Protein backbone atom coordinates (compact mmCIF):
# COMPACT_ATOMS: atom_id res chain seq x y z
CA MET A 1 81.69 89.41 93.29
CA ASP A 2 83.78 92.40 93.12
CA LEU A 3 84.09 95.17 95.31
CA GLN A 4 81.43 97.36 93.63
CA GLY A 5 79.02 94.53 93.47
CA VAL A 6 79.51 93.95 97.42
CA THR A 7 78.67 97.86 97.99
CA ASN A 8 75.82 97.80 95.46
CA LYS A 9 74.30 94.61 97.34
CA ARG A 10 74.80 95.98 100.88
CA ASN A 11 71.11 95.40 101.93
CA SER A 12 71.38 91.79 100.61
CA VAL A 13 74.50 91.40 102.80
CA GLN A 14 72.81 92.78 105.78
CA HIS A 15 69.71 90.49 105.27
CA ALA A 16 71.92 87.41 104.89
CA THR A 17 73.85 88.21 108.05
CA GLU A 18 70.46 88.82 109.99
CA GLU A 19 69.48 85.28 108.98
CA ASN A 20 72.65 83.49 109.76
CA LYS A 21 73.28 83.43 113.29
CA GLN A 22 77.13 82.48 112.83
CA LEU A 23 77.75 85.51 110.63
CA ASN A 24 75.88 87.74 113.11
CA SER A 25 77.80 86.57 116.17
CA SER A 26 81.01 87.26 114.60
CA GLY A 27 80.05 90.86 114.37
CA LEU A 28 79.67 91.24 110.59
CA LEU A 29 76.14 92.60 110.66
CA THR A 30 77.31 95.15 113.20
CA LYS A 31 80.13 96.42 110.90
CA PHE A 32 77.72 96.73 108.04
CA GLU A 33 75.10 98.55 110.17
CA SER A 34 77.60 101.18 111.28
CA GLY A 35 78.53 101.92 107.76
CA THR A 36 82.10 101.95 108.39
CA THR A 37 82.82 99.00 106.62
CA LEU A 38 81.07 100.42 103.48
CA ILE A 39 82.93 103.67 103.63
CA GLY A 40 86.08 101.83 103.93
CA LEU A 41 85.44 99.61 100.98
CA LEU A 42 84.50 102.81 98.97
CA LEU A 43 87.39 104.56 99.84
CA ARG A 44 89.56 101.58 98.75
CA GLN A 45 87.79 100.89 95.70
CA LYS A 46 90.07 102.65 93.07
CA VAL A 47 93.29 101.04 94.77
CA ILE A 48 91.75 97.75 94.87
CA THR A 49 90.41 97.85 91.33
CA THR A 50 93.81 98.94 89.91
CA LEU A 51 95.82 96.28 91.77
CA SER A 52 93.31 93.81 90.39
CA LEU A 53 93.90 94.92 86.79
CA LEU A 54 97.60 94.65 87.51
CA ASN A 55 97.00 91.03 88.90
CA LYS A 56 95.01 89.97 85.91
CA SER A 57 98.21 91.35 83.55
CA PHE A 58 100.43 89.37 85.55
CA GLN A 59 98.43 86.08 85.01
CA VAL A 60 98.45 86.45 81.12
CA CYS A 61 100.30 83.32 79.47
CA GLN A 62 102.14 85.12 76.96
CA GLN A 63 103.57 88.18 78.60
CA THR A 64 106.94 89.58 78.24
CA VAL A 65 109.17 90.92 80.89
CA SER A 66 109.13 94.27 79.43
CA GLY A 67 105.41 94.26 79.32
CA LEU A 68 105.21 93.27 82.91
CA MET A 69 107.49 96.16 84.02
CA LYS A 70 105.29 98.45 81.91
CA ALA A 71 102.13 97.23 83.64
CA ASP A 72 103.92 97.81 86.91
CA ASN A 73 104.93 101.24 86.16
CA VAL A 74 101.47 102.40 84.82
CA THR A 75 99.81 100.75 88.22
CA THR A 76 102.40 102.77 90.24
CA VAL A 77 101.54 105.98 88.59
CA ALA A 78 97.88 105.32 88.73
CA ILE A 79 97.96 104.63 92.48
CA GLU A 80 100.26 107.47 93.15
CA GLY A 81 97.61 109.72 91.28
CA LEU A 82 94.94 108.77 93.66
C-alpha cells in the first residue's frame, strides 16, 4: 500500500490497531488518534512520491548512465520546487 492508501484508510488502520493489543501497546493507535502521524504523512507525501519514482527509474533493467543522471536531476528540481 502506498502513502495515499494509508491516509485514505486511516479508519481501517485505527480499527486494526484497536483490535490488536500488540500494536496498541506500541503506541501506534495513540499516534493515529492524535492526528500528528496523518499530518506528517500528508506533508511528506509529495517528497516520498517523487523519490519513489526516482527509485523505480533506477530499477529499470535497460537504463543508461545519462538517463539515470537525468532522472536524478529531474527529481532534484522537483523536490527543490516543493
